[in-house]
Protein backbone atom coordinates (compact mmCIF):
# COMPACT_ATOMS: atom_id res chain seq x y z
CA MET A 1 0.00 0.00 0.00
CA PHE A 2 2.99 2.28 0.65
CA ILE A 3 4.20 1.74 -2.92
CA TYR A 4 0.68 2.28 -4.29
CA GLY A 5 0.49 5.57 -2.37
CA ILE A 6 3.78 6.80 -3.83
CA ILE A 7 2.88 5.78 -7.39
CA SER A 8 -0.63 7.28 -7.22
CA THR A 9 0.76 10.57 -5.86
CA ILE A 10 3.44 10.82 -8.56
CA LEU A 11 0.98 10.01 -11.34
CA PHE A 12 -1.52 12.52 -9.98
CA LEU A 13 1.04 15.34 -9.76
CA PHE A 14 2.43 14.50 -13.20
CA THR A 15 -0.92 14.40 -15.02
CA LEU A 16 -2.65 17.25 -13.17
CA PRO A 17 -1.19 20.15 -15.26
CA PHE A 18 -2.03 18.41 -18.53
CA TYR A 19 -5.56 17.55 -17.43
CA TYR A 20 -6.11 21.09 -16.18
CA LEU A 21 -4.89 22.55 -19.49
CA ILE A 22 -7.20 20.30 -21.51
CA ARG A 23 -10.19 21.27 -19.36
CA VAL A 24 -9.38 24.99 -19.68
CA ILE A 25 -9.08 24.72 -23.47
CA ALA A 26 -12.40 22.87 -23.55
CA GLY A 27 -13.95 25.58 -21.37
CA LYS A 28 -14.84 23.20 -18.55
CA TYR A 29 -14.37 24.03 -14.88
CA LEU A 30 -12.68 21.49 -12.60
CA TYR A 31 -15.70 21.01 -10.35
CA GLY A 32 -14.93 20.15 -6.75
CA TRP A 33 -11.18 19.72 -7.16
CA ASP A 34 -10.36 21.98 -4.22
CA LYS A 35 -12.59 19.88 -1.98
CA LYS A 36 -11.26 16.60 -3.43
CA LEU A 37 -7.78 17.83 -2.52
CA GLY A 38 -8.97 18.39 1.05
CA PHE A 39 -9.29 22.18 0.89
CA PHE A 40 -12.64 22.76 2.53
CA GLU A 41 -13.60 24.46 5.76
CA ASN A 42 -13.48 22.17 8.77
CA PRO A 43 -17.16 21.41 9.54
CA LYS A 44 -16.32 20.53 13.19
CA LEU A 45 -18.78 17.67 13.34
CA GLY A 46 -17.70 16.17 16.64
CA GLU A 47 -17.05 12.53 17.50
CA LYS A 48 -20.27 10.91 16.25
CA VAL A 49 -20.34 10.95 12.44
CA ILE A 50 -21.92 8.62 9.89
CA MET A 51 -20.56 9.08 6.37
CA LEU A 52 -22.24 7.82 3.19
CA HIS A 53 -20.78 8.05 -0.31
CA GLY A 54 -22.52 7.82 -3.68
CA VAL A 55 -20.35 8.66 -6.65
CA SER A 56 -23.00 10.04 -9.01
CA VAL A 57 -26.73 10.46 -9.65
CA GLY A 58 -27.73 6.78 -9.58
CA GLU A 59 -25.88 6.02 -6.36
CA VAL A 60 -27.12 9.18 -4.63
CA ASN A 61 -30.71 8.34 -5.59
CA ALA A 62 -30.22 4.83 -4.19
CA LEU A 63 -29.13 6.28 -0.85
CA GLU A 64 -32.10 8.63 -0.43
CA ASN A 65 -34.40 6.47 1.70
CA LEU A 66 -31.48 5.06 3.69
CA ILE A 67 -30.20 8.52 4.56
CA LYS A 68 -33.65 9.60 5.71
CA GLN A 69 -33.98 6.45 7.82
CA ILE A 70 -30.52 6.90 9.37
CA LYS A 71 -31.47 10.44 10.37
CA GLN A 72 -34.48 9.07 12.24
CA GLU A 73 -32.73 6.06 13.80
CA PHE A 74 -29.53 7.83 14.89
CA PRO A 75 -30.43 11.48 15.62
CA GLU A 76 -27.40 11.90 17.89
CA TYR A 77 -25.03 11.32 14.96
CA LYS A 78 -23.96 13.91 12.40
CA LEU A 79 -24.57 12.87 8.81
CA VAL A 80 -22.01 13.45 6.02
CA VAL A 81 -22.80 12.76 2.36
CA THR A 82 -20.09 12.73 -0.30
CA THR A 83 -20.17 12.37 -4.08
CA GLY A 84 -17.59 12.07 -6.83
CA THR A 85 -19.22 13.99 -9.69
CA LYS A 86 -20.73 17.43 -10.25
CA THR A 87 -24.16 15.99 -11.08
CA GLY A 88 -24.01 13.74 -8.02
CA GLN A 89 -23.18 16.75 -5.87
CA GLU A 90 -26.08 18.74 -7.30
CA ILE A 91 -28.55 15.94 -6.59
CA ALA A 92 -27.16 15.45 -3.07
CA LEU A 93 -27.54 19.15 -2.30
CA LYS A 94 -31.07 19.14 -3.68
CA LYS A 95 -32.19 16.03 -1.80
CA PHE A 96 -30.25 16.27 1.48
CA GLU A 97 -29.57 19.95 2.10
CA ASN A 98 -31.96 19.92 5.07
CA ILE A 99 -31.09 16.38 6.20
CA ALA A 100 -27.31 15.98 6.02
CA ASP A 101 -25.06 18.01 8.30
CA PHE A 102 -22.34 18.28 5.67
CA ILE A 103 -22.19 17.56 1.92
CA THR A 104 -18.90 17.55 0.03
CA TYR A 105 -16.79 15.66 -2.51
CA PHE A 106 -14.99 12.38 -1.86
CA PRO A 107 -11.20 12.89 -1.71
CA PHE A 108 -8.73 11.90 -4.40
CA ASP A 109 -7.30 8.51 -3.48
CA ILE A 110 -3.83 9.76 -2.70
CA PRO A 111 -2.40 9.80 0.85
CA PHE A 112 -2.27 13.50 1.66
CA CYS A 113 -5.82 14.10 0.34
CA VAL A 114 -7.28 11.14 2.23
CA ARG A 115 -5.51 12.05 5.48
CA LYS A 116 -6.67 15.66 5.27
CA PHE A 117 -10.24 14.56 4.55
CA LEU A 118 -10.40 12.05 7.41
CA ASN A 119 -8.84 14.52 9.85
CA ARG A 120 -11.66 16.98 9.14
CA ILE A 121 -14.61 14.58 8.85
CA ASN A 122 -13.44 12.05 11.47
CA PRO A 123 -16.19 9.51 10.62
CA THR A 124 -17.34 6.89 13.10
CA VAL A 125 -18.40 4.62 10.25
CA VAL A 126 -18.24 4.90 6.45
CA MET A 127 -20.63 3.32 3.93
CA ILE A 128 -19.85 3.44 0.22
CA ALA A 129 -22.69 2.72 -2.21
CA GLU A 130 -22.19 0.17 -4.98
CA THR A 131 -18.56 -0.82 -5.61
CA GLU A 132 -15.96 1.92 -5.47
CA LEU A 133 -12.77 0.35 -4.17
CA TRP A 134 -10.39 3.12 -3.17
CA PRO A 135 -7.20 1.44 -1.84
CA THR A 136 -5.69 4.42 -0.01
CA PHE A 137 -8.99 5.45 1.57
CA ALA A 138 -9.67 1.87 2.70
CA TYR A 139 -6.16 1.52 4.14
CA HIS A 140 -6.41 4.72 6.18
CA CYS A 141 -9.88 3.82 7.46
CA LYS A 142 -8.50 0.48 8.69
CA LYS A 143 -5.49 2.20 10.23
CA ARG A 144 -7.78 4.54 12.17
CA ASN A 145 -10.20 1.73 13.16
CA ILE A 146 -13.04 3.25 11.16
CA PRO A 147 -15.46 0.50 10.04
CA LEU A 148 -15.74 0.70 6.25
CA PHE A 149 -18.63 -0.95 4.37
CA VAL A 150 -19.57 -1.46 0.76
CA ILE A 151 -23.37 -1.37 0.58
CA ASN A 152 -25.65 -2.07 -2.37
CA GLY A 153 -22.55 -3.55 -3.97
CA ARG A 154 -22.52 -4.59 -7.59
CA ILE A 155 -19.83 -5.28 -10.15
CA SER A 156 -20.21 -5.30 -13.93
CA ASP A 157 -18.71 -8.01 -16.10
CA SER A 158 -16.10 -5.64 -17.55
CA THR A 159 -15.05 -4.34 -14.13
CA PHE A 160 -14.94 -7.90 -12.80
CA LYS A 161 -12.52 -8.96 -15.53
CA ALA A 162 -10.23 -5.98 -14.85
CA TYR A 163 -10.27 -6.50 -11.08
CA LYS A 164 -9.73 -10.23 -11.40
CA PHE A 165 -6.53 -9.59 -13.39
CA PHE A 166 -5.19 -7.71 -10.35
CA LYS A 167 -6.61 -10.12 -7.78
CA PRO A 168 -3.49 -10.23 -5.51
CA PHE A 169 -3.67 -6.44 -5.14
CA PHE A 170 -7.43 -6.22 -4.58
CA LYS A 171 -7.34 -9.11 -2.13
CA GLN A 172 -5.17 -6.93 0.12
CA VAL A 173 -7.42 -3.92 -0.42
CA LEU A 174 -10.61 -5.82 0.41
CA LYS A 175 -9.16 -6.96 3.74
CA ASN A 176 -9.57 -3.38 4.94
CA TYR A 177 -13.38 -3.52 4.68
CA GLU A 178 -15.54 -4.40 7.65
CA GLU A 179 -18.12 -6.00 5.38
CA ILE A 180 -19.20 -6.05 1.74
CA LEU A 181 -22.96 -6.19 1.16
CA THR A 182 -24.06 -6.90 -2.40
CA GLN A 183 -27.23 -6.63 -4.46
CA SER A 184 -27.20 -10.25 -5.64
CA GLU A 185 -25.54 -13.65 -5.29
CA ASP A 186 -23.82 -13.04 -8.61
CA ASP A 187 -22.25 -9.80 -7.34
CA LYS A 188 -21.25 -11.54 -4.12
CA ASN A 189 -19.53 -14.39 -5.97
CA LYS A 190 -17.69 -12.00 -8.27
CA LEU A 191 -16.29 -10.03 -5.33
CA ILE A 192 -15.21 -13.21 -3.58
CA GLN A 193 -13.43 -14.26 -6.77
CA ILE A 194 -11.41 -11.03 -6.79
CA GLY A 195 -10.35 -11.47 -3.19
CA ALA A 196 -13.15 -10.54 -0.79
CA THR A 197 -13.30 -12.65 2.37
CA PRO A 198 -16.36 -14.96 2.11
CA GLU A 199 -17.18 -14.49 5.81
CA LYS A 200 -17.31 -10.72 5.29
CA THR A 201 -19.35 -10.79 2.08
CA ALA A 202 -23.14 -11.12 2.04
CA VAL A 203 -26.22 -10.33 -0.05
CA MET A 204 -28.32 -7.39 1.18
CA LYS A 205 -30.58 -7.00 -1.93
CA ASN A 206 -31.08 -3.60 -3.58
CA LEU A 207 -31.65 -0.27 -1.79
CA LYS A 208 -33.37 1.21 -4.81
CA PHE A 209 -36.28 -1.18 -4.34
CA ASP A 210 -36.94 -0.05 -0.77
CA ILE A 211 -39.71 2.38 -1.60
CA LYS A 212 -43.26 2.24 -0.29
CA ARG A 213 -46.65 2.70 -1.85
CA ARG A 214 -48.49 5.90 -1.09
CA GLU A 215 -51.90 4.62 -0.05
CA THR A 216 -54.02 7.63 -0.96
CA GLN A 217 -57.60 7.71 -2.18
CA ILE A 218 -57.78 9.24 -5.66
CA ASN A 219 -60.93 9.94 -7.62
CA ILE A 220 -60.54 11.74 -10.90
CA GLY A 221 -63.16 9.71 -12.72
CA GLN A 222 -60.81 6.87 -13.58
CA SER A 223 -62.98 3.92 -12.55
CA ASP A 224 -64.56 3.28 -15.97
CA TYR A 225 -61.38 3.67 -17.99
CA ARG A 226 -57.90 2.30 -18.53
CA ILE A 227 -55.41 4.98 -17.56
CA ILE A 228 -52.03 5.58 -19.18
CA ILE A 229 -49.63 7.83 -17.31
CA ALA A 230 -46.75 9.70 -18.93
CA GLY A 231 -44.63 10.58 -15.91
CA SER A 232 -41.89 13.22 -15.67
CA THR A 233 -42.01 14.15 -19.33
CA HIS A 234 -39.52 16.59 -20.82
CA GLN A 235 -39.68 18.86 -23.85
CA GLY A 236 -40.43 16.86 -26.98
CA GLU A 237 -41.85 13.88 -25.12
CA ASP A 238 -45.37 15.28 -24.70
CA GLU A 239 -45.75 15.29 -28.48
CA ILE A 240 -44.55 11.68 -28.69
CA ILE A 241 -46.92 10.32 -26.05
CA ILE A 242 -49.88 12.39 -27.29
CA ASN A 243 -49.43 11.18 -30.86
CA SER A 244 -49.19 7.55 -29.71
CA PHE A 245 -52.26 7.97 -27.51
CA LYS A 246 -54.21 9.63 -30.33
CA LYS A 247 -53.53 6.65 -32.63
CA LEU A 248 -54.53 4.13 -29.96
CA LYS A 249 -57.64 6.09 -28.97
CA ASN A 250 -59.16 5.15 -32.33
CA GLU A 251 -58.67 1.46 -31.45
CA PHE A 252 -59.43 1.49 -27.72
CA ASN A 253 -62.16 3.95 -26.73
CA ASP A 254 -61.80 3.22 -23.01
CA ILE A 255 -58.30 4.68 -22.59
CA LYS A 256 -57.39 7.98 -20.95
CA LEU A 257 -54.06 9.77 -20.59
CA LEU A 258 -52.54 11.62 -17.66
CA ILE A 259 -49.42 13.68 -18.48
CA ALA A 260 -47.14 14.83 -15.67
CA PRO A 261 -44.53 17.28 -17.03
CA ARG A 262 -41.27 17.17 -15.08
CA HIS A 263 -41.33 20.96 -14.85
CA LEU A 264 -44.66 22.63 -14.12
CA LYS A 265 -43.89 25.61 -16.35
CA ARG A 266 -44.44 23.26 -19.31
CA ALA A 267 -47.92 22.19 -18.18
CA ALA A 268 -49.76 24.80 -20.25
CA ASN A 269 -47.85 23.80 -23.39
CA ALA A 270 -48.65 20.11 -22.81
CA GLY A 271 -52.31 21.04 -22.57
CA TYR A 272 -52.10 23.07 -25.77
CA LEU A 273 -50.51 20.13 -27.62
CA ALA A 274 -53.28 17.78 -26.49
CA LYS A 275 -56.07 20.16 -27.51
CA ASN A 276 -54.34 20.89 -30.82
CA THR A 277 -54.67 17.23 -31.80
CA GLY A 278 -58.40 17.27 -31.13
CA LEU A 279 -58.30 15.68 -27.66
CA SER A 280 -60.31 17.11 -24.80
CA CYS A 281 -58.00 18.20 -22.02
CA GLY A 282 -58.19 19.52 -18.46
CA PHE A 283 -55.83 20.39 -15.61
CA ARG A 284 -55.53 18.72 -12.23
CA SER A 285 -55.25 22.14 -10.54
CA GLU A 286 -58.74 22.87 -11.88
CA ASN A 287 -60.14 19.52 -10.66
CA ALA A 288 -60.37 18.02 -14.15
CA ASN A 289 -62.17 14.68 -14.40
CA PHE A 290 -61.70 11.83 -16.88
CA SER A 291 -65.44 11.64 -17.44
CA ASP A 292 -65.11 14.98 -19.27
CA ASN A 293 -61.58 14.74 -20.67
CA ASP A 294 -59.39 12.45 -22.75
CA VAL A 295 -56.27 13.95 -21.19
CA ILE A 296 -55.52 15.40 -17.77
CA ILE A 297 -52.38 17.46 -17.21
CA LEU A 298 -50.94 16.95 -13.72
CA ASP A 299 -49.90 20.51 -12.91
CA THR A 300 -49.69 20.10 -9.13
CA LEU A 301 -46.69 19.31 -6.95
CA GLY A 302 -46.02 16.04 -5.17
CA GLU A 303 -48.85 13.94 -6.63
CA LEU A 304 -47.21 11.90 -9.38
CA SER A 305 -46.00 8.99 -7.25
CA LYS A 306 -49.49 8.34 -5.87
CA MET A 307 -51.08 8.76 -9.31
CA TYR A 308 -49.22 5.70 -10.55
CA SER A 309 -51.59 3.66 -8.37
CA ILE A 310 -54.51 4.35 -10.75
CA CYS A 311 -52.76 3.64 -14.06
CA ASN A 312 -52.72 0.46 -16.12
CA PHE A 313 -49.19 1.17 -17.26
CA ALA A 314 -46.81 4.11 -17.44
CA PHE A 315 -44.38 5.76 -19.81
CA ILE A 316 -41.40 7.11 -17.85
CA GLY A 317 -40.12 10.39 -19.27
CA GLY A 318 -36.66 11.85 -19.60
CA SER A 319 -35.83 8.83 -21.74
CA PHE A 320 -36.33 10.24 -25.25
CA ASN A 321 -33.80 13.02 -24.69
CA LYS A 322 -30.44 13.39 -22.93
CA THR A 323 -31.87 13.56 -19.40
CA GLY A 324 -31.13 9.90 -18.72
CA GLY A 325 -34.56 8.81 -17.54
CA HIS A 326 -36.37 8.86 -14.21
CA ASN A 327 -37.12 6.20 -11.63
CA PRO A 328 -39.45 3.50 -13.05
CA LEU A 329 -39.86 1.92 -9.61
CA GLU A 330 -42.33 4.64 -8.61
CA ALA A 331 -44.77 2.88 -10.95
CA THR A 332 -43.47 -0.67 -10.51
CA VAL A 333 -44.15 -0.51 -6.77
CA TYR A 334 -47.87 -0.44 -7.69
CA ASP A 335 -47.39 -3.61 -9.83
CA LYS A 336 -47.62 -1.55 -13.04
CA PRO A 337 -45.62 -2.22 -16.22
CA THR A 338 -43.44 0.62 -17.50
CA ILE A 339 -42.17 1.73 -20.88
CA SER A 340 -39.16 3.99 -21.44
CA GLY A 341 -37.19 5.45 -24.29
CA PRO A 342 -33.57 4.44 -24.96
CA ASN A 343 -31.78 7.01 -22.79
CA ILE A 344 -32.01 5.61 -19.26
CA HIS A 345 -28.41 5.90 -18.00
CA ASN A 346 -29.45 7.45 -14.65
CA PHE A 347 -31.21 4.17 -13.76
CA ARG A 348 -29.42 1.72 -16.05
CA ASP A 349 -29.02 -0.97 -13.37
CA ILE A 350 -32.70 -0.78 -12.38
CA TYR A 351 -33.84 -1.02 -15.98
CA ALA A 352 -31.54 -4.03 -16.47
CA ILE A 353 -33.32 -5.82 -13.61
CA LEU A 354 -36.83 -4.83 -14.72
CA SER A 355 -36.19 -5.62 -18.38
CA LYS A 356 -34.73 -9.02 -17.57
CA ALA A 357 -37.84 -9.76 -15.48
CA ASN A 358 -40.12 -8.56 -18.31
CA SER A 359 -41.64 -5.93 -16.08
CA SER A 360 -40.38 -2.98 -18.11
CA LYS A 361 -39.82 -2.39 -21.81
CA ILE A 362 -37.23 -0.07 -23.37
CA VAL A 363 -38.21 1.18 -26.83
CA LYS A 364 -36.02 2.92 -29.40
CA ASN A 365 -38.52 5.31 -30.98
CA SER A 366 -42.12 6.53 -31.07
CA GLU A 367 -43.23 3.70 -33.37
CA GLN A 368 -42.01 1.07 -30.92
CA LEU A 369 -43.66 3.01 -28.09
CA THR A 370 -47.02 2.82 -29.85
CA GLN A 371 -46.53 -0.89 -30.56
CA GLU A 372 -45.74 -1.72 -26.92
CA MET A 373 -48.67 0.34 -25.67
CA ARG A 374 -50.95 -1.45 -28.14
CA LYS A 375 -49.72 -4.84 -26.94
CA LEU A 376 -50.38 -3.98 -23.30
CA LEU A 377 -53.89 -2.82 -24.21
CA SER A 378 -54.84 -5.67 -26.55
CA ASP A 379 -53.11 -8.75 -25.12
CA LYS A 380 -54.72 -9.48 -21.76
CA GLU A 381 -52.39 -12.39 -20.92
CA TYR A 382 -49.30 -10.32 -21.77
CA TYR A 383 -50.53 -7.47 -19.58
CA ARG A 384 -51.39 -9.80 -16.69
CA GLN A 385 -47.94 -11.40 -16.84
CA THR A 386 -46.10 -8.07 -16.81
CA CYS A 387 -48.06 -7.03 -13.73
CA GLU A 388 -47.20 -10.30 -11.99
CA ASN A 389 -43.55 -9.83 -12.95
CA SER A 390 -43.62 -6.42 -11.28
CA ILE A 391 -44.91 -7.95 -8.05
CA LYS A 392 -42.31 -10.71 -8.15
CA ILE A 393 -39.34 -8.45 -8.80
CA PHE A 394 -40.19 -6.23 -5.83
CA ASN A 395 -40.54 -9.21 -3.50
CA GLU A 396 -37.14 -10.47 -4.63
CA HIS A 397 -35.25 -7.21 -4.14
CA GLN A 398 -36.79 -5.46 -1.13
CA GLY A 399 -35.35 -5.56 2.39
CA ALA A 400 -31.95 -3.95 1.85
CA LEU A 401 -32.65 -0.85 3.93
CA ASN A 402 -33.39 -2.81 7.11
CA THR A 403 -30.23 -4.86 6.61
CA VAL A 404 -28.07 -1.74 6.55
CA ILE A 405 -29.84 -0.20 9.56
CA GLU A 406 -29.22 -3.39 11.57
CA LYS A 407 -25.54 -3.33 10.61
CA LEU A 408 -25.28 0.23 11.83
CA LYS A 409 -26.99 -0.61 15.11
CA ASN A 410 -24.47 -3.38 15.69
CA ILE A 411 -21.54 -1.05 14.98
CA LEU A 412 -22.79 2.02 16.81
């Protein structure tokens, strides 16, 4: 580890000027580098600190319910959240600004940065989401008797092959972890094959599936119809879903559409698009009812997740542009099939699970979207099976949050 520390420091100092120059030429700011180097104001958190790390958007989203639960279970502890990317930091600040006591960037994995970071944060326990193996950070945590966990651990096939090639090195690194908790047996076995101690490696399931239904009574005249929800739509997606719905309305006269724009300022435009195609349309803020409208625009805050309970299936927005998709589990938790466009990188691992279980369908274009919607509406057995698959996949993957909480109780 001493040699690794020297090599990583030399390489970092050697490449830093070149990387900085390239970023300046490209007009891109080096986000968070001062904090990653350890140059941030000492937050003076005291002696009781729980630290959680999620590198980017997907990992931070996965930690949301756990962080809220930790705040309730361990109110005497300060809560620190770290990320590795600019987008991860933005999401963390948005979600946890009023929950976490301190939010910052994870340090560069070189000795002086790690030491400076740990001196200021002084964590009682550290939990890193998914599988970021930072050798220097792990070594210094072990040296300071700070329990270090991997939670919600997973490892892709490509990463597994690379790590396995350096198994003797990673075997030493993994000895510094208190425990490694994975999403699946496959992930567990891969980590053991690259050197994790079997006795310290276990399956915890997937944190992202630990969401609960919102049991709320909703009556917007949906009882006599089959409801399609287009959730968290972005610019350009309202047109796509409206055009598909318009085509299918000629075949299935019992269908209705609820559109929930991701940003409320676009609600009026979504309504205009619907009316411009000849569909009757109303707004939730005006108490619109499906008995009078083909389309309802959800232009109120905080209602989308409960609305999924009344739909037959849902299109998840942000997936036909560069947004990267939104969380399909908000609909799946109600046993509802989901459809998404091809750009789902924010929730790629979740979509991989749902697609493999035939609970969710990823389509490439508007034509495929219409075809999948038609199949769900016309093929009763296909629809029934996708709903059952949604139930099954949740039962298989829930329970991770309680596992982590119990681990923390044992440590703290």
